């Protein structure tokens, strides 16, 4: 994390991380979640490791990663649907494929 600096006071550190990473996201409210003890310990360990400012920072990162994964899956599904809608595949010989790749890659 860019603002990983144990020498800053905790409050300043949290505020700096917030300004650098979360200004584009609306910080609207609080959400309390219940976790089994092993999961709670894992989240706390992640924040203590220094990579995250606090437990909330870690959970926000998990949500961002999950959102990115969902968007990537949606894009992949869209490409699959586009391919299926394009009709039956046509046979292409090796030389035609290589020529097509050269033209595509500008070689």
N, C-alpha and C. Protein backbone atom coordinates (compact mmCIF):
# COMPACT_ATOMS: atom_id res chain seq x y z
N UNK A 1 0.84 -1.17 0.00
CA UNK A 1 0.00 0.00 0.00
C UNK A 1 0.89 1.24 0.00
N UNK A 2 0.54 2.25 -0.76
CA UNK A 2 1.37 3.43 -0.90
C UNK A 2 1.58 4.19 0.39
N UNK A 3 0.61 4.19 1.27
CA UNK A 3 0.74 4.99 2.48
C UNK A 3 1.09 4.13 3.68
N UNK A 4 1.84 3.07 3.49
CA UNK A 4 2.24 2.18 4.58
C UNK A 4 3.43 2.80 5.30
N UNK A 5 3.19 3.51 6.38
CA UNK A 5 4.25 4.16 7.12
C UNK A 5 3.91 4.13 8.59
N UNK A 6 4.56 3.26 9.34
CA UNK A 6 4.25 3.06 10.75
C UNK A 6 4.68 4.26 11.60
N UNK A 7 5.46 5.19 11.05
CA UNK A 7 5.92 6.34 11.84
C UNK A 7 4.88 7.44 11.98
N UNK A 8 3.85 7.44 11.14
CA UNK A 8 2.81 8.45 11.26
C UNK A 8 1.86 8.07 12.39
N UNK A 9 1.36 9.05 13.12
CA UNK A 9 0.34 8.72 14.13
C UNK A 9 -0.85 8.04 13.46
N UNK A 10 -1.48 7.15 14.17
CA UNK A 10 -2.54 6.32 13.60
C UNK A 10 -3.67 7.14 12.96
N UNK A 11 -4.09 8.19 13.61
CA UNK A 11 -5.18 8.99 13.06
C UNK A 11 -4.77 9.66 11.75
N UNK A 12 -3.59 10.24 11.72
CA UNK A 12 -3.09 10.88 10.51
C UNK A 12 -2.94 9.85 9.40
N UNK A 13 -2.41 8.70 9.75
CA UNK A 13 -2.24 7.61 8.79
C UNK A 13 -3.57 7.19 8.18
N UNK A 14 -4.58 6.98 9.02
CA UNK A 14 -5.91 6.60 8.53
C UNK A 14 -6.49 7.68 7.62
N UNK A 15 -6.34 8.94 8.01
CA UNK A 15 -6.87 10.04 7.19
C UNK A 15 -6.14 10.14 5.86
N UNK A 16 -4.84 9.97 5.87
CA UNK A 16 -4.06 10.02 4.64
C UNK A 16 -4.47 8.89 3.70
N UNK A 17 -4.60 7.68 4.24
CA UNK A 17 -5.05 6.56 3.42
C UNK A 17 -6.43 6.83 2.84
N UNK A 18 -7.30 7.38 3.65
CA UNK A 18 -8.65 7.70 3.19
C UNK A 18 -8.59 8.69 2.03
N UNK A 19 -7.81 9.74 2.18
CA UNK A 19 -7.72 10.76 1.13
C UNK A 19 -7.13 10.19 -0.15
N UNK A 20 -6.11 9.34 -0.04
CA UNK A 20 -5.44 8.81 -1.22
C UNK A 20 -6.26 7.76 -1.95
N UNK A 21 -6.99 6.94 -1.23
CA UNK A 21 -7.61 5.78 -1.85
C UNK A 21 -9.13 5.82 -1.94
N UNK A 22 -9.80 6.61 -1.13
CA UNK A 22 -11.25 6.49 -1.06
C UNK A 22 -11.99 7.76 -1.45
N UNK A 23 -11.30 8.75 -1.96
CA UNK A 23 -12.00 9.99 -2.28
C UNK A 23 -12.99 9.80 -3.41
N UNK A 24 -12.78 8.80 -4.27
CA UNK A 24 -13.71 8.55 -5.37
C UNK A 24 -14.92 7.74 -4.92
N UNK A 25 -14.85 7.11 -3.79
CA UNK A 25 -15.95 6.30 -3.29
C UNK A 25 -16.68 7.07 -2.20
N UNK A 26 -17.98 7.07 -2.24
CA UNK A 26 -18.76 7.77 -1.22
C UNK A 26 -18.69 7.01 0.09
N UNK A 27 -18.26 7.68 1.11
CA UNK A 27 -18.20 7.10 2.45
C UNK A 27 -19.51 7.48 3.14
N UNK A 28 -20.55 6.68 2.93
CA UNK A 28 -21.89 7.08 3.31
C UNK A 28 -22.27 6.59 4.69
N UNK A 29 -21.93 5.40 5.04
CA UNK A 29 -22.43 4.89 6.31
C UNK A 29 -21.57 3.79 6.88
N UNK A 30 -22.09 3.23 7.93
CA UNK A 30 -21.42 2.16 8.65
C UNK A 30 -22.21 0.88 8.48
N UNK A 31 -21.50 -0.23 8.36
CA UNK A 31 -22.14 -1.53 8.27
C UNK A 31 -21.46 -2.45 9.27
N UNK A 32 -22.21 -3.05 10.12
CA UNK A 32 -21.67 -4.02 11.06
C UNK A 32 -21.89 -5.41 10.50
N UNK A 33 -20.88 -6.23 10.55
CA UNK A 33 -21.01 -7.61 10.08
C UNK A 33 -20.59 -8.56 11.18
N UNK A 34 -21.14 -9.75 11.14
CA UNK A 34 -20.78 -10.79 12.11
C UNK A 34 -19.91 -11.81 11.40
N UNK A 35 -18.81 -12.16 12.04
CA UNK A 35 -17.88 -13.14 11.47
C UNK A 35 -17.59 -14.21 12.51
N UNK A 36 -17.40 -15.44 12.06
CA UNK A 36 -16.91 -16.46 12.99
C UNK A 36 -15.53 -16.05 13.49
N UNK A 37 -15.15 -16.51 14.66
CA UNK A 37 -13.88 -16.11 15.27
C UNK A 37 -12.67 -16.30 14.35
N UNK A 38 -12.56 -17.43 13.62
CA UNK A 38 -11.38 -17.57 12.74
C UNK A 38 -11.33 -16.49 11.65
N UNK A 39 -12.47 -16.12 11.10
CA UNK A 39 -12.49 -15.07 10.08
C UNK A 39 -12.17 -13.71 10.69
N UNK A 40 -12.70 -13.44 11.86
CA UNK A 40 -12.41 -12.17 12.54
C UNK A 40 -10.92 -12.06 12.82
N UNK A 41 -10.32 -13.15 13.27
CA UNK A 41 -8.88 -13.14 13.54
C UNK A 41 -8.09 -12.89 12.25
N UNK A 42 -8.53 -13.49 11.15
CA UNK A 42 -7.85 -13.31 9.87
C UNK A 42 -7.88 -11.83 9.45
N UNK A 43 -9.05 -11.21 9.56
CA UNK A 43 -9.20 -9.80 9.17
C UNK A 43 -8.30 -8.94 10.06
N UNK A 44 -8.31 -9.18 11.35
CA UNK A 44 -7.47 -8.41 12.27
C UNK A 44 -5.99 -8.61 11.96
N UNK A 45 -5.60 -9.84 11.62
CA UNK A 45 -4.20 -10.11 11.26
C UNK A 45 -3.79 -9.33 10.02
N UNK A 46 -4.71 -9.20 9.07
CA UNK A 46 -4.39 -8.46 7.84
C UNK A 46 -4.14 -6.99 8.14
N UNK A 47 -4.91 -6.42 9.04
CA UNK A 47 -4.69 -5.01 9.37
C UNK A 47 -3.43 -4.84 10.22
N UNK A 48 -3.14 -5.80 11.07
CA UNK A 48 -1.91 -5.72 11.89
C UNK A 48 -0.65 -5.93 11.06
N UNK A 49 -0.79 -6.57 9.91
CA UNK A 49 0.39 -6.86 9.09
C UNK A 49 1.01 -5.58 8.52
N UNK A 50 0.25 -4.48 8.53
CA UNK A 50 0.76 -3.22 8.02
C UNK A 50 0.34 -2.95 6.58
N UNK A 51 -0.20 -3.94 5.92
CA UNK A 51 -0.64 -3.73 4.54
C UNK A 51 -1.91 -2.89 4.48
N UNK A 52 -2.73 -2.99 5.50
CA UNK A 52 -3.99 -2.25 5.57
C UNK A 52 -3.98 -1.40 6.82
N UNK A 53 -4.64 -0.25 6.72
CA UNK A 53 -4.67 0.67 7.86
C UNK A 53 -5.50 0.13 9.01
N UNK A 54 -6.57 -0.58 8.67
CA UNK A 54 -7.47 -1.12 9.69
C UNK A 54 -8.33 -2.21 9.04
N UNK A 55 -9.20 -2.81 9.84
CA UNK A 55 -10.06 -3.89 9.34
C UNK A 55 -10.99 -3.41 8.23
N UNK A 56 -11.50 -2.21 8.35
CA UNK A 56 -12.39 -1.67 7.33
C UNK A 56 -11.67 -1.50 6.00
N UNK A 57 -10.42 -1.08 6.06
CA UNK A 57 -9.61 -0.92 4.86
C UNK A 57 -9.48 -2.27 4.14
N UNK A 58 -9.24 -3.32 4.90
CA UNK A 58 -9.13 -4.66 4.33
C UNK A 58 -10.45 -5.11 3.69
N UNK A 59 -11.56 -4.89 4.37
CA UNK A 59 -12.87 -5.29 3.83
C UNK A 59 -13.19 -4.49 2.58
N UNK A 60 -12.88 -3.20 2.58
CA UNK A 60 -13.10 -2.40 1.37
C UNK A 60 -12.30 -2.93 0.20
N UNK A 61 -11.05 -3.34 0.47
CA UNK A 61 -10.21 -3.91 -0.59
C UNK A 61 -10.82 -5.21 -1.12
N UNK A 62 -11.34 -6.04 -0.22
CA UNK A 62 -12.00 -7.28 -0.65
C UNK A 62 -13.19 -6.98 -1.56
N UNK A 63 -13.96 -5.97 -1.21
CA UNK A 63 -15.13 -5.60 -2.00
C UNK A 63 -14.69 -5.08 -3.37
N UNK A 64 -13.66 -4.23 -3.40
CA UNK A 64 -13.16 -3.73 -4.69
C UNK A 64 -12.69 -4.88 -5.57
N UNK A 65 -11.95 -5.82 -4.99
CA UNK A 65 -11.46 -6.98 -5.75
C UNK A 65 -12.62 -7.83 -6.26
N UNK A 66 -13.62 -8.02 -5.44
CA UNK A 66 -14.78 -8.81 -5.85
C UNK A 66 -15.53 -8.10 -6.98
N UNK A 67 -15.64 -6.78 -6.88
CA UNK A 67 -16.29 -6.00 -7.94
C UNK A 67 -15.52 -6.14 -9.25
N UNK A 68 -14.19 -6.03 -9.19
CA UNK A 68 -13.37 -6.18 -10.39
C UNK A 68 -13.51 -7.58 -10.98
N UNK A 69 -13.55 -8.60 -10.13
CA UNK A 69 -13.72 -9.97 -10.60
C UNK A 69 -15.06 -10.14 -11.29
N UNK A 70 -16.12 -9.58 -10.69
CA UNK A 70 -17.45 -9.67 -11.29
C UNK A 70 -17.49 -8.97 -12.65
N UNK A 71 -16.83 -7.81 -12.75
CA UNK A 71 -16.80 -7.09 -14.02
C UNK A 71 -16.03 -7.88 -15.07
N UNK A 72 -14.92 -8.51 -14.67
CA UNK A 72 -14.14 -9.32 -15.62
C UNK A 72 -14.95 -10.53 -16.08
N UNK A 73 -15.67 -11.16 -15.17
CA UNK A 73 -16.52 -12.30 -15.56
C UNK A 73 -17.63 -11.87 -16.50
N UNK A 74 -18.21 -10.69 -16.26
CA UNK A 74 -19.26 -10.18 -17.14
C UNK A 74 -18.70 -9.90 -18.53
N UNK A 75 -17.50 -9.35 -18.60
CA UNK A 75 -16.88 -9.09 -19.90
C UNK A 75 -16.59 -10.39 -20.63
N UNK A 76 -16.11 -11.38 -19.90
CA UNK A 76 -15.84 -12.69 -20.50
C UNK A 76 -17.13 -13.33 -20.99
N UNK A 77 -18.18 -13.25 -20.19
CA UNK A 77 -19.47 -13.81 -20.59
C UNK A 77 -19.99 -13.09 -21.84
N UNK A 78 -19.80 -11.79 -21.90
CA UNK A 78 -20.21 -11.02 -23.07
C UNK A 78 -19.46 -11.46 -24.31
N UNK A 79 -18.16 -11.71 -24.18
CA UNK A 79 -17.36 -12.18 -25.32
C UNK A 79 -17.81 -13.56 -25.77
N UNK A 80 -18.15 -14.42 -24.82
CA UNK A 80 -18.64 -15.76 -25.15
C UNK A 80 -19.96 -15.66 -25.91
N UNK A 81 -20.86 -14.83 -25.41
CA UNK A 81 -22.16 -14.66 -26.07
C UNK A 81 -21.99 -14.07 -27.47
N UNK A 82 -21.08 -13.12 -27.61
CA UNK A 82 -20.81 -12.53 -28.93
C UNK A 82 -20.28 -13.60 -29.89
N UNK A 83 -19.38 -14.44 -29.40
CA UNK A 83 -18.85 -15.51 -30.23
C UNK A 83 -19.92 -16.50 -30.65
N UNK A 84 -20.79 -16.87 -29.71
CA UNK A 84 -21.86 -17.80 -30.03
C UNK A 84 -22.84 -17.19 -31.04
N UNK A 85 -23.09 -15.89 -30.91
CA UNK A 85 -24.03 -15.22 -31.80
C UNK A 85 -23.45 -14.99 -33.19
N UNK A 86 -22.12 -15.10 -33.34
CA UNK A 86 -21.50 -14.82 -34.63
C UNK A 86 -21.69 -15.93 -35.65
N UNK A 87 -22.27 -17.02 -35.22
CA UNK A 87 -22.54 -18.10 -36.16
C UNK A 87 -21.52 -19.21 -36.07
N UNK A 88 -21.67 -20.20 -36.95
CA UNK A 88 -20.77 -21.34 -36.91
C UNK A 88 -19.33 -20.95 -37.23
N UNK A 89 -18.42 -21.65 -36.65
CA UNK A 89 -17.00 -21.41 -36.90
C UNK A 89 -16.64 -21.87 -38.30
N UNK A 90 -15.67 -21.17 -38.87
CA UNK A 90 -15.19 -21.55 -40.19
C UNK A 90 -13.81 -22.17 -40.04
N UNK A 91 -13.54 -23.17 -40.86
CA UNK A 91 -12.24 -23.82 -40.84
C UNK A 91 -11.19 -22.86 -41.40
N UNK A 92 -10.06 -22.78 -40.72
CA UNK A 92 -8.97 -21.92 -41.18
C UNK A 92 -7.69 -22.75 -41.19
N UNK A 93 -6.98 -22.70 -42.28
CA UNK A 93 -5.72 -23.46 -42.30
C UNK A 93 -4.63 -22.68 -41.58
N UNK A 94 -3.55 -23.36 -41.30
CA UNK A 94 -2.46 -22.80 -40.51
C UNK A 94 -1.88 -21.54 -41.15
N UNK A 95 -1.63 -21.58 -42.43
CA UNK A 95 -1.03 -20.42 -43.12
C UNK A 95 -1.97 -19.21 -43.10
N UNK A 96 -3.26 -19.44 -43.29
CA UNK A 96 -4.22 -18.34 -43.25
C UNK A 96 -4.26 -17.75 -41.83
N UNK A 97 -4.17 -18.60 -40.82
CA UNK A 97 -4.17 -18.12 -39.44
C UNK A 97 -2.94 -17.26 -39.17
N UNK A 98 -1.76 -17.74 -39.59
CA UNK A 98 -0.53 -16.98 -39.38
C UNK A 98 -0.58 -15.64 -40.10
N UNK A 99 -1.10 -15.64 -41.32
CA UNK A 99 -1.21 -14.39 -42.07
C UNK A 99 -2.17 -13.43 -41.36
N UNK A 100 -3.24 -13.95 -40.84
CA UNK A 100 -4.21 -13.13 -40.11
C UNK A 100 -3.56 -12.53 -38.86
N UNK A 101 -2.78 -13.31 -38.16
CA UNK A 101 -2.10 -12.81 -36.95
C UNK A 101 -1.05 -11.77 -37.30
N UNK A 102 -0.32 -11.98 -38.39
CA UNK A 102 0.68 -10.98 -38.81
C UNK A 102 0.00 -9.66 -39.15
N UNK A 103 -1.12 -9.73 -39.85
CA UNK A 103 -1.84 -8.51 -40.21
C UNK A 103 -2.39 -7.80 -38.99
N UNK A 104 -2.88 -8.58 -38.03
CA UNK A 104 -3.44 -8.02 -36.80
C UNK A 104 -2.35 -7.35 -35.95
N UNK A 105 -1.19 -7.98 -35.88
CA UNK A 105 -0.10 -7.48 -35.03
C UNK A 105 0.85 -6.54 -35.76
N UNK A 106 0.57 -6.23 -37.01
CA UNK A 106 1.37 -5.27 -37.75
C UNK A 106 2.73 -5.78 -38.16
N UNK A 107 2.90 -7.05 -38.31
CA UNK A 107 4.20 -7.60 -38.74
C UNK A 107 4.27 -7.73 -40.23
